[in-house]
Amino acid sequence: MSHLLRCSFAVLVDQANTDVVLVGDTVGMVVQGHDTTVPVTMDQMVYHTSAVARGLHRPFLIADMPFMSYPSKDQALANSVRLMQEGGAKMVKLESGASQVDIVDFLTSHDIAVCAHLGLRPQSVHKTGVFASRDEHRMRPIAC
């Protein structure tokens, strides 16, 4: 899987026969210069996803759901539809845990393909205070 943010790289990745491409909310850190992914908006994710989609023909395209774009089932569905219809994504990815099971179930019942991202949850950085991987028992800081 490749992580892309621009059309020009999408063309190269497509030519390299990559199977899966992710447009991540890390665009906030990599392109926009933020310290976290939290400031990334749905409009920005749709924009970057559509730019990458225009450069792809073969790979399966996944797009991140940004922070607070899925606090309820209805918002999650509306924003997933935007990423698929306007952005060209084939699947949406959200930071997941037990609290999102109902949302994931709701989305899949409406024919939305969902990648539930477990472990490192950058959108929770303000809650946890660190970029950390969650397991059942404790938070572990991730060294870069």
C-alpha atoms as a PDB file:
ATOM      1  CA  MET A   1       0.000   0.000   0.000  1.00  0.00           C
ATOM      2  CA  SER A   2       1.202   3.501  -0.799  1.00  0.00           C
ATOM      3  CA  HIS A   3       0.283   6.692   1.040  1.00  0.00           C
ATOM      4  CA  LEU A   4      -0.284   9.558  -1.410  1.00  0.00           C
ATOM      5  CA  LEU A   5      -1.339  13.184  -1.322  1.00  0.00           C
ATOM      6  CA  ARG A   6      -0.830  14.390  -4.916  1.00  0.00           C
ATOM      7  CA  CYS A   7      -1.866  13.493  -8.447  1.00  0.00           C
ATOM      8  CA  SER A   8       1.670  13.462  -9.877  1.00  0.00           C
ATOM      9  CA  PHE A   9       2.755  10.762  -7.418  1.00  0.00           C
ATOM     10  CA  ALA A  10      -0.477   8.855  -8.040  1.00  0.00           C
ATOM     11  CA  VAL A  11       0.435   8.503 -11.710  1.00  0.00           C
ATOM     12  CA  LEU A  12       3.834   7.034 -10.779  1.00  0.00           C
ATOM     13  CA  VAL A  13       2.331   4.666  -8.217  1.00  0.00           C
ATOM     14  CA  ASP A  14      -0.272   3.548 -10.737  1.00  0.00           C
ATOM     15  CA  GLN A  15       2.477   2.787 -13.254  1.00  0.00           C
ATOM     16  CA  ALA A  16       4.341   0.792 -10.580  1.00  0.00           C
ATOM     17  CA  ASN A  17       1.340  -1.550 -10.265  1.00  0.00           C
ATOM     18  CA  THR A  18       0.632  -0.717  -6.625  1.00  0.00           C
ATOM     19  CA  ASP A  19      -2.534  -2.440  -5.439  1.00  0.00           C
ATOM     20  CA  VAL A  20      -3.787  -0.077  -2.719  1.00  0.00           C
ATOM     21  CA  VAL A  21      -3.387   3.673  -2.191  1.00  0.00           C
ATOM     22  CA  LEU A  22      -4.288   5.625   0.953  1.00  0.00           C
ATOM     23  CA  VAL A  23      -4.944   9.358   1.058  1.00  0.00           C
ATOM     24  CA  GLY A  24      -4.282  10.078   4.715  1.00  0.00           C
ATOM     25  CA  ASP A  25      -5.226  12.891   7.028  1.00  0.00           C
ATOM     26  CA  THR A  26      -1.489  13.159   7.649  1.00  0.00           C
ATOM     27  CA  VAL A  27      -1.722  15.719   4.849  1.00  0.00           C
ATOM     28  CA  GLY A  28      -2.121  18.112   7.779  1.00  0.00           C
ATOM     29  CA  MET A  29       1.372  17.317   9.014  1.00  0.00           C
ATOM     30  CA  VAL A  30       3.170  16.468   5.759  1.00  0.00           C
ATOM     31  CA  VAL A  31       1.814  19.214   3.488  1.00  0.00           C
ATOM     32  CA  GLN A  32       0.182  21.818   5.735  1.00  0.00           C
ATOM     33  CA  GLY A  33       2.823  21.910   8.487  1.00  0.00           C
ATOM     34  CA  HIS A  34       0.550  21.156  11.459  1.00  0.00           C
ATOM     35  CA  ASP A  35       1.803  19.269  14.516  1.00  0.00           C
ATOM     36  CA  THR A  36      -1.144  16.845  14.378  1.00  0.00           C
ATOM     37  CA  THR A  37      -3.787  15.574  11.972  1.00  0.00           C
ATOM     38  CA  VAL A  38      -6.581  17.222  13.980  1.00  0.00           C
ATOM     39  CA  PRO A  39      -6.879  20.458  11.897  1.00  0.00           C
ATOM     40  CA  VAL A  40      -7.571  18.556   8.637  1.00  0.00           C
ATOM     41  CA  THR A  41     -11.122  19.132   7.377  1.00  0.00           C
ATOM     42  CA  MET A  42     -13.474  17.029   5.294  1.00  0.00           C
ATOM     43  CA  ASP A  43     -13.226  19.546   2.440  1.00  0.00           C
ATOM     44  CA  GLN A  44      -9.441  19.132   2.441  1.00  0.00           C
ATOM     45  CA  MET A  45      -9.697  15.332   2.413  1.00  0.00           C
ATOM     46  CA  VAL A  46     -12.160  15.432  -0.497  1.00  0.00           C
ATOM     47  CA  TYR A  47      -9.810  17.770  -2.393  1.00  0.00           C
ATOM     48  CA  HIS A  48      -6.690  15.632  -1.876  1.00  0.00           C
ATOM     49  CA  THR A  49      -8.547  12.375  -2.512  1.00  0.00           C
ATOM     50  CA  SER A  50      -9.963  13.656  -5.782  1.00  0.00           C
ATOM     51  CA  ALA A  51      -6.514  14.874  -6.894  1.00  0.00           C
ATOM     52  CA  VAL A  52      -5.012  11.448  -6.243  1.00  0.00           C
ATOM     53  CA  ALA A  53      -7.989   9.659  -7.834  1.00  0.00           C
ATOM     54  CA  ARG A  54      -7.434  11.544 -11.082  1.00  0.00           C
ATOM     55  CA  GLY A  55      -3.936  10.054 -11.327  1.00  0.00           C
ATOM     56  CA  LEU A  56      -5.000   6.469 -10.622  1.00  0.00           C
ATOM     57  CA  HIS A  57      -6.564   3.903 -12.910  1.00  0.00           C
ATOM     58  CA  ARG A  58      -5.887   0.539 -11.313  1.00  0.00           C
ATOM     59  CA  PRO A  59      -5.166   0.793  -7.552  1.00  0.00           C
ATOM     60  CA  PHE A  60      -7.858   0.547  -4.897  1.00  0.00           C
ATOM     61  CA  LEU A  61      -8.202   4.009  -3.289  1.00  0.00           C
ATOM     62  CA  ILE A  62      -8.823   4.442   0.442  1.00  0.00           C
ATOM     63  CA  ALA A  63      -9.418   7.858   2.060  1.00  0.00           C
ATOM     64  CA  ASP A  64      -9.073   8.816   5.725  1.00  0.00           C
ATOM     65  CA  MET A  65     -12.043  10.214   7.580  1.00  0.00           C
ATOM     66  CA  PRO A  66     -10.606  13.263   9.372  1.00  0.00           C
ATOM     67  CA  PHE A  67     -11.054  14.184  13.023  1.00  0.00           C
ATOM     68  CA  MET A  68     -14.704  14.611  14.090  1.00  0.00           C
ATOM     69  CA  SER A  69     -16.063  13.680  10.661  1.00  0.00           C
ATOM     70  CA  TYR A  70     -17.852  10.623  12.089  1.00  0.00           C
ATOM     71  CA  PRO A  71     -19.225  11.508  15.565  1.00  0.00           C
ATOM     72  CA  SER A  72     -22.667  10.178  14.614  1.00  0.00           C
ATOM     73  CA  LYS A  73     -23.972   7.582  12.172  1.00  0.00           C
ATOM     74  CA  ASP A  74     -25.597  10.190   9.935  1.00  0.00           C
ATOM     75  CA  GLN A  75     -22.498  12.399   9.768  1.00  0.00           C
ATOM     76  CA  ALA A  76     -20.314   9.373   9.131  1.00  0.00           C
ATOM     77  CA  LEU A  77     -22.545   8.307   6.253  1.00  0.00           C
ATOM     78  CA  ALA A  78     -22.756  11.790   4.719  1.00  0.00           C
ATOM     79  CA  ASN A  79     -18.978  12.279   4.902  1.00  0.00           C
ATOM     80  CA  SER A  80     -18.241   8.779   3.590  1.00  0.00           C
ATOM     81  CA  VAL A  81     -20.509   9.438   0.625  1.00  0.00           C
ATOM     82  CA  ARG A  82     -18.631  12.699  -0.067  1.00  0.00           C
ATOM     83  CA  LEU A  83     -15.264  10.931  -0.061  1.00  0.00           C
ATOM     84  CA  MET A  84     -16.612   8.319  -2.456  1.00  0.00           C
ATOM     85  CA  GLN A  85     -18.724  10.483  -4.778  1.00  0.00           C
ATOM     86  CA  GLU A  86     -16.681  13.694  -4.830  1.00  0.00           C
ATOM     87  CA  GLY A  87     -13.287  12.257  -3.947  1.00  0.00           C
ATOM     88  CA  GLY A  88     -13.328   9.000  -5.860  1.00  0.00           C
ATOM     89  CA  ALA A  89     -12.471   6.775  -2.870  1.00  0.00           C
ATOM     90  CA  LYS A  90     -13.496   3.118  -2.922  1.00  0.00           C
ATOM     91  CA  MET A  91     -13.222   2.736   0.867  1.00  0.00           C
ATOM     92  CA  VAL A  92     -13.045   5.022   3.907  1.00  0.00           C
ATOM     93  CA  LYS A  93     -10.692   4.582   6.856  1.00  0.00           C
ATOM     94  CA  LEU A  94     -11.460   5.721  10.364  1.00  0.00           C
ATOM     95  CA  GLU A  95      -9.690   5.468  13.675  1.00  0.00           C
ATOM     96  CA  SER A  96     -11.667   2.837  15.427  1.00  0.00           C
ATOM     97  CA  GLY A  97     -12.308   1.213  18.721  1.00  0.00           C
ATOM     98  CA  ALA A  98     -15.210  -0.227  20.636  1.00  0.00           C
ATOM     99  CA  SER A  99     -17.038   3.111  20.558  1.00  0.00           C
ATOM    100  CA  GLN A 100     -17.150   3.101  16.732  1.00  0.00           C
ATOM    101  CA  VAL A 101     -18.540  -0.422  16.211  1.00  0.00           C
ATOM    102  CA  ASP A 102     -22.080   0.875  15.669  1.00  0.00           C
ATOM    103  CA  ILE A 103     -20.855   3.473  13.167  1.00  0.00           C
ATOM    104  CA  VAL A 104     -18.836   0.899  11.209  1.00  0.00           C
ATOM    105  CA  ASP A 105     -21.837  -1.454  11.174  1.00  0.00           C
ATOM    106  CA  PHE A 106     -24.110   1.392  10.002  1.00  0.00           C
ATOM    107  CA  LEU A 107     -21.738   2.379   7.198  1.00  0.00           C
ATOM    108  CA  THR A 108     -21.314  -1.177   5.951  1.00  0.00           C
ATOM    109  CA  SER A 109     -25.094  -1.673   6.022  1.00  0.00           C
ATOM    110  CA  HIS A 110     -25.252   1.260   3.570  1.00  0.00           C
ATOM    111  CA  ASP A 111     -22.692  -0.331   1.211  1.00  0.00           C
ATOM    112  CA  ILE A 112     -19.750   1.775   2.404  1.00  0.00           C
ATOM    113  CA  ALA A 113     -16.502  -0.200   2.497  1.00  0.00           C
ATOM    114  CA  VAL A 114     -14.726   0.576   5.787  1.00  0.00           C
ATOM    115  CA  CYS A 115     -11.161   0.103   6.953  1.00  0.00           C
ATOM    116  CA  ALA A 116     -11.171   0.316  10.738  1.00  0.00           C
ATOM    117  CA  HIS A 117      -7.791   1.626  11.848  1.00  0.00           C
ATOM    118  CA  LEU A 118      -6.720   0.153  15.194  1.00  0.00           C
ATOM    119  CA  GLY A 119      -3.574   0.801  17.215  1.00  0.00           C
ATOM    120  CA  LEU A 120      -1.865   4.157  16.655  1.00  0.00           C
ATOM    121  CA  ARG A 121      -4.592   6.794  16.764  1.00  0.00           C
ATOM    122  CA  PRO A 122      -3.140  10.220  15.876  1.00  0.00           C
ATOM    123  CA  GLN A 123      -6.544  11.937  16.061  1.00  0.00           C
ATOM    124  CA  SER A 124      -6.537  11.204  19.812  1.00  0.00           C
ATOM    125  CA  VAL A 125      -3.256  13.015  20.467  1.00  0.00           C
ATOM    126  CA  HIS A 126      -4.898  15.828  22.460  1.00  0.00           C
ATOM    127  CA  LYS A 127      -6.726  13.293  24.624  1.00  0.00           C
ATOM    128  CA  THR A 128      -3.717  11.055  25.249  1.00  0.00           C
ATOM    129  CA  GLY A 129      -0.990  13.703  25.164  1.00  0.00           C
ATOM    130  CA  VAL A 130       1.276  11.601  22.920  1.00  0.00           C
ATOM    131  CA  PHE A 131       1.259   9.733  19.646  1.00  0.00           C
ATOM    132  CA  ALA A 132       0.767   6.271  21.063  1.00  0.00           C
ATOM    133  CA  SER A 133      -0.391   2.808  20.116  1.00  0.00           C
ATOM    134  CA  ARG A 134      -3.332   1.549  22.137  1.00  0.00           C
ATOM    135  CA  ASP A 135      -3.574  -1.987  23.370  1.00  0.00           C
ATOM    136  CA  GLU A 136      -6.003  -3.502  25.830  1.00  0.00           C
ATOM    137  CA  HIS A 137      -3.913  -2.719  28.891  1.00  0.00           C
ATOM    138  CA  ARG A 138      -1.961   0.491  28.446  1.00  0.00           C
ATOM    139  CA  MET A 139      -0.777   3.298  26.196  1.00  0.00           C
ATOM    140  CA  ARG A 140       2.723   2.911  24.790  1.00  0.00           C
ATOM    141  CA  PRO A 141       4.560   5.916  23.353  1.00  0.00           C
ATOM    142  CA  ILE A 142       5.847   5.436  19.826  1.00  0.00           C
ATOM    143  CA  ALA A 143       9.442   6.543  19.272  1.00  0.00           C
ATOM    144  CA  CYS A 144      10.200   8.176  15.931  1.00  0.00           C
END
